[in-house]
């Protein structure tokens, strides 16, 4: 069964450091490398249960150095800071794209609450 959230095209824009996901229905999402890095589904970021999340800081300049397909259901993103353990399945990537503004605002609030500020 085909997954409607599977992108038909994935493009990495190195200069703007954005990953573009294009879908069959014409929808497309552009997600920054920083956004994808701080929302990695890896245990290193999410922890092993609720309340164990690890706030990612200092990721403003991170890039993606490689994209590896994982079967027909996901991709693994290899980041320039060495992080390579997150498996981004199609549904999670679609969720990130659809909820990007809210997720980013939540991240910025968590950074501020922890006393961190993003580099300009």
PDB file of N, CA and C in Angstrom:
ATOM      1  N   UNK A   1       0.841  -1.180   0.000  1.00  0.00           N
ATOM      2  CA  UNK A   1       0.000   0.000   0.000  1.00  0.00           C
ATOM      3  C   UNK A   1       0.889   1.248   0.000  1.00  0.00           C
ATOM      4  N   UNK A   2       0.577   2.175  -0.881  1.00  0.00           N
ATOM      5  CA  UNK A   2       1.377   3.396  -0.998  1.00  0.00           C
ATOM      6  C   UNK A   2       1.093   4.324   0.175  1.00  0.00           C
ATOM      7  N   UNK A   3       2.148   4.973   0.634  1.00  0.00           N
ATOM      8  CA  UNK A   3       2.014   5.925   1.727  1.00  0.00           C
ATOM      9  C   UNK A   3       1.800   7.312   1.123  1.00  0.00           C
ATOM     10  N   UNK A   4       0.633   7.917   1.401  1.00  0.00           N
ATOM     11  CA  UNK A   4       0.332   9.233   0.812  1.00  0.00           C
ATOM     12  C   UNK A   4       1.270  10.318   1.310  1.00  0.00           C
ATOM     13  N   UNK A   5       1.955  10.065   2.427  1.00  0.00           N
ATOM     14  CA  UNK A   5       2.893  11.050   2.974  1.00  0.00           C
ATOM     15  C   UNK A   5       4.313  10.860   2.459  1.00  0.00           C
ATOM     16  N   UNK A   6       4.494   9.926   1.528  1.00  0.00           N
ATOM     17  CA  UNK A   6       5.829   9.724   0.947  1.00  0.00           C
ATOM     18  C   UNK A   6       6.085  10.801  -0.101  1.00  0.00           C
ATOM     19  N   UNK A   7       7.166  11.552   0.048  1.00  0.00           N
ATOM     20  CA  UNK A   7       7.450  12.594  -0.948  1.00  0.00           C
ATOM     21  C   UNK A   7       7.802  11.982  -2.302  1.00  0.00           C
ATOM     22  N   UNK A   8       7.430  12.684  -3.359  1.00  0.00           N
ATOM     23  CA  UNK A   8       7.785  12.243  -4.709  1.00  0.00           C
ATOM     24  C   UNK A   8       9.157  12.780  -5.096  1.00  0.00           C
ATOM     25  N   UNK A   9       9.607  13.806  -4.382  1.00  0.00           N
ATOM     26  CA  UNK A   9      10.917  14.378  -4.660  1.00  0.00           C
ATOM     27  C   UNK A   9      11.497  14.944  -3.362  1.00  0.00           C
ATOM     28  N   UNK A  10      12.785  14.753  -3.184  1.00  0.00           N
ATOM     29  CA  UNK A  10      13.505  15.291  -2.032  1.00  0.00           C
ATOM     30  C   UNK A  10      14.722  16.012  -2.582  1.00  0.00           C
ATOM     31  N   UNK A  11      14.812  17.302  -2.263  1.00  0.00           N
ATOM     32  CA  UNK A  11      15.937  18.104  -2.762  1.00  0.00           C
ATOM     33  C   UNK A  11      16.626  18.785  -1.595  1.00  0.00           C
ATOM     34  N   UNK A  12      17.937  18.645  -1.550  1.00  0.00           N
ATOM     35  CA  UNK A  12      18.733  19.336  -0.538  1.00  0.00           C
ATOM     36  C   UNK A  12      19.325  20.583  -1.171  1.00  0.00           C
ATOM     37  N   UNK A  13      18.990  21.734  -0.612  1.00  0.00           N
ATOM     38  CA  UNK A  13      19.516  23.018  -1.085  1.00  0.00           C
ATOM     39  C   UNK A  13      20.648  23.398  -0.129  1.00  0.00           C
ATOM     40  N   UNK A  14      21.892  23.145  -0.561  1.00  0.00           N
ATOM     41  CA  UNK A  14      23.052  23.335   0.313  1.00  0.00           C
ATOM     42  C   UNK A  14      23.238  24.791   0.722  1.00  0.00           C
ATOM     43  N   UNK A  15      23.048  25.715  -0.220  1.00  0.00           N
ATOM     44  CA  UNK A  15      23.333  27.125   0.086  1.00  0.00           C
ATOM     45  C   UNK A  15      22.383  27.663   1.158  1.00  0.00           C
ATOM     46  N   UNK A  16      21.080  27.383   1.019  1.00  0.00           N
ATOM     47  CA  UNK A  16      20.110  27.866   2.009  1.00  0.00           C
ATOM     48  C   UNK A  16      19.971  26.898   3.184  1.00  0.00           C
ATOM     49  N   UNK A  17      20.643  25.748   3.091  1.00  0.00           N
ATOM     50  CA  UNK A  17      20.567  24.702   4.126  1.00  0.00           C
ATOM     51  C   UNK A  17      19.111  24.324   4.416  1.00  0.00           C
ATOM     52  N   UNK A  18      18.395  23.979   3.335  1.00  0.00           N
ATOM     53  CA  UNK A  18      17.003  23.542   3.471  1.00  0.00           C
ATOM     54  C   UNK A  18      16.796  22.239   2.712  1.00  0.00           C
ATOM     55  N   UNK A  19      15.949  21.408   3.299  1.00  0.00           N
ATOM     56  CA  UNK A  19      15.536  20.167   2.654  1.00  0.00           C
ATOM     57  C   UNK A  19      14.124  20.404   2.140  1.00  0.00           C
ATOM     58  N   UNK A  20      13.946  20.230   0.845  1.00  0.00           N
ATOM     59  CA  UNK A  20      12.634  20.430   0.228  1.00  0.00           C
ATOM     60  C   UNK A  20      11.995  19.075  -0.041  1.00  0.00           C
ATOM     61  N   UNK A  21      10.777  18.930   0.418  1.00  0.00           N
ATOM     62  CA  UNK A  21      10.004  17.704   0.211  1.00  0.00           C
ATOM     63  C   UNK A  21       8.803  18.062  -0.652  1.00  0.00           C
ATOM     64  N   UNK A  22       8.656  17.367  -1.789  1.00  0.00           N
ATOM     65  CA  UNK A  22       7.550  17.631  -2.708  1.00  0.00           C
ATOM     66  C   UNK A  22       6.664  16.389  -2.734  1.00  0.00           C
ATOM     67  N   UNK A  23       5.355  16.619  -2.680  1.00  0.00           N
ATOM     68  CA  UNK A  23       4.384  15.527  -2.622  1.00  0.00           C
ATOM     69  C   UNK A  23       3.546  15.475  -3.895  1.00  0.00           C
ATOM     70  N   UNK A  24       2.953  14.316  -4.147  1.00  0.00           N
ATOM     71  CA  UNK A  24       2.188  14.071  -5.372  1.00  0.00           C
ATOM     72  C   UNK A  24       1.045  15.060  -5.552  1.00  0.00           C
ATOM     73  N   UNK A  25       0.466  15.530  -4.449  1.00  0.00           N
ATOM     74  CA  UNK A  25      -0.675  16.460  -4.551  1.00  0.00           C
ATOM     75  C   UNK A  25      -0.234  17.912  -4.752  1.00  0.00           C
ATOM     76  N   UNK A  26       1.073  18.134  -4.939  1.00  0.00           N
ATOM     77  CA  UNK A  26       1.570  19.477  -5.182  1.00  0.00           C
ATOM     78  C   UNK A  26       2.045  20.205  -3.932  1.00  0.00           C
ATOM     79  N   UNK A  27       1.758  19.657  -2.770  1.00  0.00           N
ATOM     80  CA  UNK A  27       2.221  20.256  -1.517  1.00  0.00           C
ATOM     81  C   UNK A  27       3.740  20.120  -1.457  1.00  0.00           C
ATOM     82  N   UNK A  28       4.399  21.142  -0.942  1.00  0.00           N
ATOM     83  CA  UNK A  28       5.837  21.017  -0.704  1.00  0.00           C
ATOM     84  C   UNK A  28       6.168  21.708   0.612  1.00  0.00           C
ATOM     85  N   UNK A  29       7.179  21.198   1.280  1.00  0.00           N
ATOM     86  CA  UNK A  29       7.657  21.764   2.534  1.00  0.00           C
ATOM     87  C   UNK A  29       9.147  22.013   2.397  1.00  0.00           C
ATOM     88  N   UNK A  30       9.609  23.138   2.919  1.00  0.00           N
ATOM     89  CA  UNK A  30      11.038  23.412   3.001  1.00  0.00           C
ATOM     90  C   UNK A  30      11.399  23.487   4.473  1.00  0.00           C
ATOM     91  N   UNK A  31      12.226  22.558   4.903  1.00  0.00           N
ATOM     92  CA  UNK A  31      12.610  22.451   6.310  1.00  0.00           C
ATOM     93  C   UNK A  31      14.100  22.745   6.435  1.00  0.00           C
ATOM     94  N   UNK A  32      14.445  23.665   7.335  1.00  0.00           N
ATOM     95  CA  UNK A  32      15.852  24.003   7.497  1.00  0.00           C
ATOM     96  C   UNK A  32      16.596  22.836   8.143  1.00  0.00           C
ATOM     97  N   UNK A  33      17.873  22.752   7.862  1.00  0.00           N
ATOM     98  CA  UNK A  33      18.707  21.707   8.471  1.00  0.00           C
ATOM     99  C   UNK A  33      18.686  21.835   9.988  1.00  0.00           C
ATOM    100  N   UNK A  34      18.721  23.074  10.481  1.00  0.00           N
ATOM    101  CA  UNK A  34      18.669  23.289  11.926  1.00  0.00           C
ATOM    102  C   UNK A  34      17.372  22.739  12.505  1.00  0.00           C
ATOM    103  N   UNK A  35      16.247  23.045  11.862  1.00  0.00           N
ATOM    104  CA  UNK A  35      14.938  22.555  12.315  1.00  0.00           C
ATOM    105  C   UNK A  35      14.923  21.024  12.357  1.00  0.00           C
ATOM    106  N   UNK A  36      15.407  20.410  11.288  1.00  0.00           N
ATOM    107  CA  UNK A  36      15.432  18.940  11.237  1.00  0.00           C
ATOM    108  C   UNK A  36      16.357  18.366  12.301  1.00  0.00           C
ATOM    109  N   UNK A  37      17.487  19.021  12.545  1.00  0.00           N
ATOM    110  CA  UNK A  37      18.448  18.533  13.542  1.00  0.00           C
ATOM    111  C   UNK A  37      17.874  18.604  14.956  1.00  0.00           C
ATOM    112  N   UNK A  38      17.242  19.725  15.293  1.00  0.00           N
ATOM    113  CA  UNK A  38      16.728  19.865  16.657  1.00  0.00           C
ATOM    114  C   UNK A  38      15.460  19.043  16.871  1.00  0.00           C
ATOM    115  N   UNK A  39      14.833  18.589  15.779  1.00  0.00           N
ATOM    116  CA  UNK A  39      13.651  17.733  15.885  1.00  0.00           C
ATOM    117  C   UNK A  39      13.965  16.300  15.449  1.00  0.00           C
ATOM    118  N   UNK A  40      15.213  15.911  15.562  1.00  0.00           N
ATOM    119  CA  UNK A  40      15.604  14.545  15.206  1.00  0.00           C
ATOM    120  C   UNK A  40      14.808  13.544  16.048  1.00  0.00           C
ATOM    121  N   UNK A  41      14.310  12.481  15.405  1.00  0.00           N
ATOM    122  CA  UNK A  41      13.568  11.465  16.158  1.00  0.00           C
ATOM    123  C   UNK A  41      14.472  10.485  16.904  1.00  0.00           C
ATOM    124  N   UNK A  42      15.757  10.760  16.969  1.00  0.00           N
ATOM    125  CA  UNK A  42      16.693   9.844  17.636  1.00  0.00           C
ATOM    126  C   UNK A  42      16.532   9.895  19.149  1.00  0.00           C
ATOM    127  N   UNK A  43      16.928   8.831  19.807  1.00  0.00           N
ATOM    128  CA  UNK A  43      16.880   8.767  21.270  1.00  0.00           C
ATOM    129  C   UNK A  43      17.795   9.823  21.887  1.00  0.00           C
ATOM    130  N   UNK A  44      18.864  10.184  21.186  1.00  0.00           N
ATOM    131  CA  UNK A  44      19.788  11.223  21.668  1.00  0.00           C
ATOM    132  C   UNK A  44      19.060  12.554  21.876  1.00  0.00           C
ATOM    133  N   UNK A  45      18.007  12.799  21.086  1.00  0.00           N
ATOM    134  CA  UNK A  45      17.237  14.043  21.165  1.00  0.00           C
ATOM    135  C   UNK A  45      15.943  13.845  21.949  1.00  0.00           C
ATOM    136  N   UNK A  46      15.227  12.763  21.659  1.00  0.00           N
ATOM    137  CA  UNK A  46      13.906  12.553  22.268  1.00  0.00           C
ATOM    138  C   UNK A  46      13.975  11.879  23.622  1.00  0.00           C
ATOM    139  N   UNK A  47      15.130  11.293  23.946  1.00  0.00           N
ATOM    140  CA  UNK A  47      15.223  10.527  25.181  1.00  0.00           C
ATOM    141  C   UNK A  47      14.561   9.169  24.997  1.00  0.00           C
ATOM    142  N   UNK A  48      14.381   8.470  26.083  1.00  0.00           N
ATOM    143  CA  UNK A  48      13.784   7.129  26.010  1.00  0.00           C
ATOM    144  C   UNK A  48      12.381   7.100  26.591  1.00  0.00           C
ATOM    145  N   UNK A  49      11.805   8.261  26.785  1.00  0.00           N
ATOM    146  CA  UNK A  49      10.450   8.341  27.312  1.00  0.00           C
ATOM    147  C   UNK A  49      10.065   9.779  27.546  1.00  0.00           C
ATOM    148  N   UNK A  50       8.783  10.008  27.831  1.00  0.00           N
ATOM    149  CA  UNK A  50       8.310  11.369  28.065  1.00  0.00           C
ATOM    150  C   UNK A  50       9.107  12.065  29.174  1.00  0.00           C
ATOM    151  N   UNK A  51       9.440  13.325  28.932  1.00  0.00           N
ATOM    152  CA  UNK A  51      10.171  14.108  29.909  1.00  0.00           C
ATOM    153  C   UNK A  51      11.676  13.922  29.845  1.00  0.00           C
ATOM    154  N   UNK A  52      12.157  13.076  28.944  1.00  0.00           N
ATOM    155  CA  UNK A  52      13.598  12.828  28.828  1.00  0.00           C
ATOM    156  C   UNK A  52      14.215  13.517  27.610  1.00  0.00           C
ATOM    157  N   UNK A  53      13.456  14.417  26.970  1.00  0.00           N
ATOM    158  CA  UNK A  53      13.953  15.102  25.785  1.00  0.00           C
ATOM    159  C   UNK A  53      15.199  15.915  26.128  1.00  0.00           C
ATOM    160  N   UNK A  54      16.120  15.997  25.177  1.00  0.00           N
ATOM    161  CA  UNK A  54      17.356  16.746  25.370  1.00  0.00           C
ATOM    162  C   UNK A  54      17.317  17.960  24.439  1.00  0.00           C
ATOM    163  N   UNK A  55      17.270  19.148  25.022  1.00  0.00           N
ATOM    164  CA  UNK A  55      17.221  20.382  24.236  1.00  0.00           C
ATOM    165  C   UNK A  55      18.510  20.524  23.435  1.00  0.00           C
ATOM    166  N   UNK A  56      18.371  20.701  22.136  1.00  0.00           N
ATOM    167  CA  UNK A  56      19.517  20.843  21.245  1.00  0.00           C
ATOM    168  C   UNK A  56      19.837  22.322  21.107  1.00  0.00           C
ATOM    169  N   UNK A  57      21.069  22.700  21.380  1.00  0.00           N
ATOM    170  CA  UNK A  57      21.483  24.101  21.288  1.00  0.00           C
ATOM    171  C   UNK A  57      22.703  24.228  20.370  1.00  0.00           C
ATOM    172  N   UNK A  58      22.871  25.421  19.806  1.00  0.00           N
ATOM    173  CA  UNK A  58      24.039  25.690  18.970  1.00  0.00           C
ATOM    174  C   UNK A  58      24.023  24.982  17.631  1.00  0.00           C
ATOM    175  N   UNK A  59      22.839  24.761  17.071  1.00  0.00           N
ATOM    176  CA  UNK A  59      22.729  24.027  15.803  1.00  0.00           C
ATOM    177  C   UNK A  59      22.431  24.943  14.618  1.00  0.00           C
ATOM    178  N   UNK A  60      22.607  26.272  14.802  1.00  0.00           N
ATOM    179  CA  UNK A  60      22.259  27.231  13.757  1.00  0.00           C
ATOM    180  C   UNK A  60      23.000  26.983  12.441  1.00  0.00           C
ATOM    181  N   UNK A  61      24.246  26.550  12.512  1.00  0.00           N
ATOM    182  CA  UNK A  61      25.073  26.400  11.310  1.00  0.00           C
ATOM    183  C   UNK A  61      25.152  24.962  10.801  1.00  0.00           C
ATOM    184  N   UNK A  62      24.364  24.065  11.376  1.00  0.00           N
ATOM    185  CA  UNK A  62      24.437  22.674  10.962  1.00  0.00           C
ATOM    186  C   UNK A  62      23.897  22.512   9.540  1.00  0.00           C
ATOM    187  N   UNK A  63      24.504  21.595   8.816  1.00  0.00           N
ATOM    188  CA  UNK A  63      24.038  21.261   7.478  1.00  0.00           C
ATOM    189  C   UNK A  63      23.800  19.762   7.385  1.00  0.00           C
ATOM    190  N   UNK A  64      23.266  19.344   6.275  1.00  0.00           N
ATOM    191  CA  UNK A  64      23.093  17.914   5.995  1.00  0.00           C
ATOM    192  C   UNK A  64      24.164  17.536   4.993  1.00  0.00           C
ATOM    193  N   UNK A  65      24.961  16.511   5.323  1.00  0.00           N
ATOM    194  CA  UNK A  65      26.039  16.098   4.428  1.00  0.00           C
ATOM    195  C   UNK A  65      25.668  14.877   3.598  1.00  0.00           C
ATOM    196  N   UNK A  66      24.641  14.135   4.045  1.00  0.00           N
ATOM    197  CA  UNK A  66      24.211  12.972   3.266  1.00  0.00           C
ATOM    198  C   UNK A  66      22.789  12.600   3.648  1.00  0.00           C
ATOM    199  N   UNK A  67      22.098  12.011   2.688  1.00  0.00           N
ATOM    200  CA  UNK A  67      20.742  11.490   2.897  1.00  0.00           C
ATOM    201  C   UNK A  67      20.766  10.039   2.442  1.00  0.00           C
ATOM    202  N   UNK A  68      20.405   9.138   3.345  1.00  0.00           N
ATOM    203  CA  UNK A  68      20.400   7.709   3.015  1.00  0.00           C
ATOM    204  C   UNK A  68      18.972   7.174   3.064  1.00  0.00           C
ATOM    205  N   UNK A  69      18.537   6.481   2.006  1.00  0.00           N
ATOM    206  CA  UNK A  69      17.207   5.875   2.054  1.00  0.00           C
ATOM    207  C   UNK A  69      17.192   4.719   3.052  1.00  0.00           C
ATOM    208  N   UNK A  70      16.091   4.588   3.766  1.00  0.00           N
ATOM    209  CA  UNK A  70      15.875   3.468   4.684  1.00  0.00           C
ATOM    210  C   UNK A  70      14.642   2.739   4.173  1.00  0.00           C
ATOM    211  N   UNK A  71      14.879   1.653   3.455  1.00  0.00           N
ATOM    212  CA  UNK A  71      13.769   0.918   2.852  1.00  0.00           C
ATOM    213  C   UNK A  71      12.912   1.843   2.007  1.00  0.00           C
ATOM    214  N   UNK A  72      11.592   1.611   2.071  1.00  0.00           N
ATOM    215  CA  UNK A  72      10.647   2.453   1.331  1.00  0.00           C
ATOM    216  C   UNK A  72       9.853   3.333   2.275  1.00  0.00           C
ATOM    217  N   UNK A  73      10.348   3.500   3.505  1.00  0.00           N
ATOM    218  CA  UNK A  73       9.528   4.181   4.502  1.00  0.00           C
ATOM    219  C   UNK A  73      10.196   5.378   5.163  1.00  0.00           C
ATOM    220  N   UNK A  74      11.486   5.621   4.903  1.00  0.00           N
ATOM    221  CA  UNK A  74      12.169   6.669   5.660  1.00  0.00           C
ATOM    222  C   UNK A  74      13.488   7.058   4.997  1.00  0.00           C
ATOM    223  N   UNK A  75      14.082   8.110   5.573  1.00  0.00           N
ATOM    224  CA  UNK A  75      15.448   8.497   5.228  1.00  0.00           C
ATOM    225  C   UNK A  75      16.228   8.726   6.514  1.00  0.00           C
ATOM    226  N   UNK A  76      17.528   8.533   6.409  1.00  0.00           N
ATOM    227  CA  UNK A  76      18.431   8.874   7.508  1.00  0.00           C
ATOM    228  C   UNK A  76      19.214  10.095   7.060  1.00  0.00           C
ATOM    229  N   UNK A  77      19.202  11.125   7.893  1.00  0.00           N
ATOM    230  CA  UNK A  77      19.935  12.348   7.586  1.00  0.00           C
ATOM    231  C   UNK A  77      21.242  12.343   8.370  1.00  0.00           C
ATOM    232  N   UNK A  78      22.331  12.604   7.664  1.00  0.00           N
ATOM    233  CA  UNK A  78      23.633  12.706   8.299  1.00  0.00           C
ATOM    234  C   UNK A  78      23.985  14.188   8.325  1.00  0.00           C
ATOM    235  N   UNK A  79      24.165  14.712   9.536  1.00  0.00           N
ATOM    236  CA  UNK A  79      24.392  16.145   9.728  1.00  0.00           C
ATOM    237  C   UNK A  79      25.876  16.452   9.865  1.00  0.00           C
ATOM    238  N   UNK A  80      26.218  17.700   9.574  1.00  0.00           N
ATOM    239  CA  UNK A  80      27.616  18.133   9.607  1.00  0.00           C
ATOM    240  C   UNK A  80      28.211  18.123  11.011  1.00  0.00           C
ATOM    241  N   UNK A  81      27.372  18.040  12.045  1.00  0.00           N
ATOM    242  CA  UNK A  81      27.909  17.951  13.418  1.00  0.00           C
ATOM    243  C   UNK A  81      28.127  16.502  13.855  1.00  0.00           C
ATOM    244  N   UNK A  82      27.971  15.567  12.904  1.00  0.00           N
ATOM    245  CA  UNK A  82      28.212  14.162  13.197  1.00  0.00           C
ATOM    246  C   UNK A  82      26.969  13.382  13.595  1.00  0.00           C
ATOM    247  N   UNK A  83      25.857  14.061  13.851  1.00  0.00           N
ATOM    248  CA  UNK A  83      24.626  13.364  14.249  1.00  0.00           C
ATOM    249  C   UNK A  83      24.110  12.559  13.064  1.00  0.00           C
ATOM    250  N   UNK A  84      23.873  11.269  13.294  1.00  0.00           N
ATOM    251  CA  UNK A  84      23.425  10.410  12.188  1.00  0.00           C
ATOM    252  C   UNK A  84      22.518   9.276  12.652  1.00  0.00           C
ATOM    253  N   UNK A  85      21.873   9.440  13.802  1.00  0.00           N
ATOM    254  CA  UNK A  85      21.079   8.327  14.338  1.00  0.00           C
ATOM    255  C   UNK A  85      19.570   8.514  14.193  1.00  0.00           C
ATOM    256  N   UNK A  86      19.131   9.599  13.595  1.00  0.00           N
ATOM    257  CA  UNK A  86      17.693   9.816  13.450  1.00  0.00           C
ATOM    258  C   UNK A  86      17.159   9.199  12.169  1.00  0.00           C
ATOM    259  N   UNK A  87      16.107   8.399  12.291  1.00  0.00           N
ATOM    260  CA  UNK A  87      15.423   7.831  11.128  1.00  0.00           C
ATOM    261  C   UNK A  87      14.116   8.617  10.962  1.00  0.00           C
ATOM    262  N   UNK A  88      14.034   9.378   9.888  1.00  0.00           N
ATOM    263  CA  UNK A  88      12.881  10.239   9.616  1.00  0.00           C
ATOM    264  C   UNK A  88      11.927   9.497   8.677  1.00  0.00           C
ATOM    265  N   UNK A  89      10.861   8.916   9.254  1.00  0.00           N
ATOM    266  CA  UNK A  89       9.918   8.219   8.372  1.00  0.00           C
ATOM    267  C   UNK A  89       9.025   9.252   7.688  1.00  0.00           C
ATOM    268  N   UNK A  90       8.329   8.806   6.631  1.00  0.00           N
ATOM    269  CA  UNK A  90       7.536   9.732   5.810  1.00  0.00           C
ATOM    270  C   UNK A  90       6.483  10.458   6.639  1.00  0.00           C
ATOM    271  N   UNK A  91       5.816   9.762   7.530  1.00  0.00           N
ATOM    272  CA  UNK A  91       4.777  10.404   8.337  1.00  0.00           C
ATOM    273  C   UNK A  91       5.367  11.475   9.248  1.00  0.00           C
ATOM    274  N   UNK A  92       6.541  11.202   9.830  1.00  0.00           N
ATOM    275  CA  UNK A  92       7.174  12.189  10.719  1.00  0.00           C
ATOM    276  C   UNK A  92       7.604  13.419   9.929  1.00  0.00           C
ATOM    277  N   UNK A  93       8.198  13.220   8.756  1.00  0.00           N
ATOM    278  CA  UNK A  93       8.607  14.359   7.928  1.00  0.00           C
ATOM    279  C   UNK A  93       7.400  15.197   7.519  1.00  0.00           C
ATOM    280  N   UNK A  94       6.303  14.537   7.168  1.00  0.00           N
ATOM    281  CA  UNK A  94       5.091  15.259   6.785  1.00  0.00           C
ATOM    282  C   UNK A  94       4.552  16.047   7.981  1.00  0.00           C
ATOM    283  N   UNK A  95       4.567  15.422   9.154  1.00  0.00           N
ATOM    284  CA  UNK A  95       4.155  16.094  10.392  1.00  0.00           C
ATOM    285  C   UNK A  95       5.022  17.332  10.641  1.00  0.00           C
ATOM    286  N   UNK A  96       6.340  17.200  10.488  1.00  0.00           N
ATOM    287  CA  UNK A  96       7.236  18.345  10.687  1.00  0.00           C
ATOM    288  C   UNK A  96       6.896  19.476   9.719  1.00  0.00           C
ATOM    289  N   UNK A  97       6.653  19.110   8.468  1.00  0.00           N
ATOM    290  CA  UNK A  97       6.325  20.124   7.463  1.00  0.00           C
ATOM    291  C   UNK A  97       5.012  20.827   7.746  1.00  0.00           C
ATOM    292  N   UNK A  98       4.001  20.077   8.111  1.00  0.00           N
ATOM    293  CA  UNK A  98       2.668  20.645   8.353  1.00  0.00           C
ATOM    294  C   UNK A  98       2.618  21.476   9.629  1.00  0.00           C
ATOM    295  N   UNK A  99       3.465  21.175  10.580  1.00  0.00           N
ATOM    296  CA  UNK A  99       3.427  21.825  11.892  1.00  0.00           C
ATOM    297  C   UNK A  99       4.683  22.651  12.179  1.00  0.00           C
ATOM    298  N   UNK A 100       5.404  22.998  11.129  1.00  0.00           N
ATOM    299  CA  UNK A 100       6.704  23.647  11.270  1.00  0.00           C
ATOM    300  C   UNK A 100       6.654  24.925  12.115  1.00  0.00           C
ATOM    301  N   UNK A 101       5.711  25.814  11.844  1.00  0.00           N
ATOM    302  CA  UNK A 101       5.658  27.094  12.558  1.00  0.00           C
ATOM    303  C   UNK A 101       5.448  26.879  14.056  1.00  0.00           C
ATOM    304  N   UNK A 102       4.502  26.029  14.409  1.00  0.00           N
ATOM    305  CA  UNK A 102       4.205  25.760  15.817  1.00  0.00           C
ATOM    306  C   UNK A 102       5.370  25.063  16.511  1.00  0.00           C
ATOM    307  N   UNK A 103       5.967  24.074  15.837  1.00  0.00           N
ATOM    308  CA  UNK A 103       7.100  23.337  16.419  1.00  0.00           C
ATOM    309  C   UNK A 103       8.300  24.264  16.619  1.00  0.00           C
ATOM    310  N   UNK A 104       8.549  25.151  15.662  1.00  0.00           N
ATOM    311  CA  UNK A 104       9.679  26.069  15.762  1.00  0.00           C
ATOM    312  C   UNK A 104       9.472  27.044  16.912  1.00  0.00           C
ATOM    313  N   UNK A 105       8.263  27.585  17.031  1.00  0.00           N
ATOM    314  CA  UNK A 105       7.962  28.519  18.109  1.00  0.00           C
ATOM    315  C   UNK A 105       8.136  27.837  19.466  1.00  0.00           C
ATOM    316  N   UNK A 106       7.691  26.601  19.565  1.00  0.00           N
ATOM    317  CA  UNK A 106       7.845  25.835  20.803  1.00  0.00           C
ATOM    318  C   UNK A 106       9.325  25.637  21.124  1.00  0.00           C
ATOM    319  N   UNK A 107      10.123  25.336  20.113  1.00  0.00           N
ATOM    320  CA  UNK A 107      11.565  25.163  20.302  1.00  0.00           C
ATOM    321  C   UNK A 107      12.198  26.463  20.811  1.00  0.00           C
ATOM    322  N   UNK A 108      11.834  27.596  20.188  1.00  0.00           N
ATOM    323  CA  UNK A 108      12.394  28.882  20.606  1.00  0.00           C
ATOM    324  C   UNK A 108      12.005  29.204  22.047  1.00  0.00           C
ATOM    325  N   UNK A 109      10.794  28.874  22.444  1.00  0.00           N
ATOM    326  CA  UNK A 109      10.356  29.095  23.827  1.00  0.00           C
ATOM    327  C   UNK A 109      11.146  28.215  24.794  1.00  0.00           C
ATOM    328  N   UNK A 110      11.389  26.974  24.417  1.00  0.00           N
ATOM    329  CA  UNK A 110      12.177  26.069  25.263  1.00  0.00           C
ATOM    330  C   UNK A 110      13.614  26.569  25.397  1.00  0.00           C
ATOM    331  N   UNK A 111      14.182  27.065  24.287  1.00  0.00           N
ATOM    332  CA  UNK A 111      15.534  27.640  24.341  1.00  0.00           C
ATOM    333  C   UNK A 111      15.577  28.808  25.317  1.00  0.00           C
ATOM    334  N   UNK A 112      14.618  29.710  25.189  1.00  0.00           N
ATOM    335  CA  UNK A 112      14.574  30.900  26.050  1.00  0.00           C
ATOM    336  C   UNK A 112      14.411  30.497  27.510  1.00  0.00           C
ATOM    337  N   UNK A 113      13.538  29.537  27.776  1.00  0.00           N
ATOM    338  CA  UNK A 113      13.297  29.098  29.148  1.00  0.00           C
ATOM    339  C   UNK A 113      14.558  28.487  29.754  1.00  0.00           C
ATOM    340  N   UNK A 114      15.404  27.902  28.899  1.00  0.00           N
ATOM    341  CA  UNK A 114      16.645  27.289  29.376  1.00  0.00           C
ATOM    342  C   UNK A 114      17.796  28.312  29.418  1.00  0.00           C
ATOM    343  N   UNK A 115      17.502  29.554  29.037  1.00  0.00           N
ATOM    344  CA  UNK A 115      18.526  30.603  29.088  1.00  0.00           C
ATOM    345  C   UNK A 115      19.453  30.627  27.890  1.00  0.00           C
ATOM    346  N   UNK A 116      19.045  30.012  26.794  1.00  0.00           N
ATOM    347  CA  UNK A 116      19.870  29.996  25.572  1.00  0.00           C
ATOM    348  C   UNK A 116      19.287  30.962  24.554  1.00  0.00           C
ATOM    349  N   UNK A 117      20.166  31.486  23.711  1.00  0.00           N
ATOM    350  CA  UNK A 117      19.754  32.350  22.622  1.00  0.00           C
ATOM    351  C   UNK A 117      20.392  31.849  21.352  1.00  0.00           C
ATOM    352  N   UNK A 118      19.621  31.862  20.265  1.00  0.00           N
ATOM    353  CA  UNK A 118      20.171  31.468  18.960  1.00  0.00           C
ATOM    354  C   UNK A 118      21.108  32.544  18.440  1.00  0.00           C
ATOM    355  N   UNK A 119      22.152  32.125  17.726  1.00  0.00           N
ATOM    356  CA  UNK A 119      23.034  33.058  17.026  1.00  0.00           C
ATOM    357  C   UNK A 119      22.253  33.689  15.883  1.00  0.00           C
ATOM    358  N   UNK A 120      22.544  34.945  15.580  1.00  0.00           N
ATOM    359  CA  UNK A 120      21.890  35.617  14.447  1.00  0.00           C
ATOM    360  C   UNK A 120      22.422  35.073  13.130  1.00  0.00           C
TER     361      UNK A 120
END
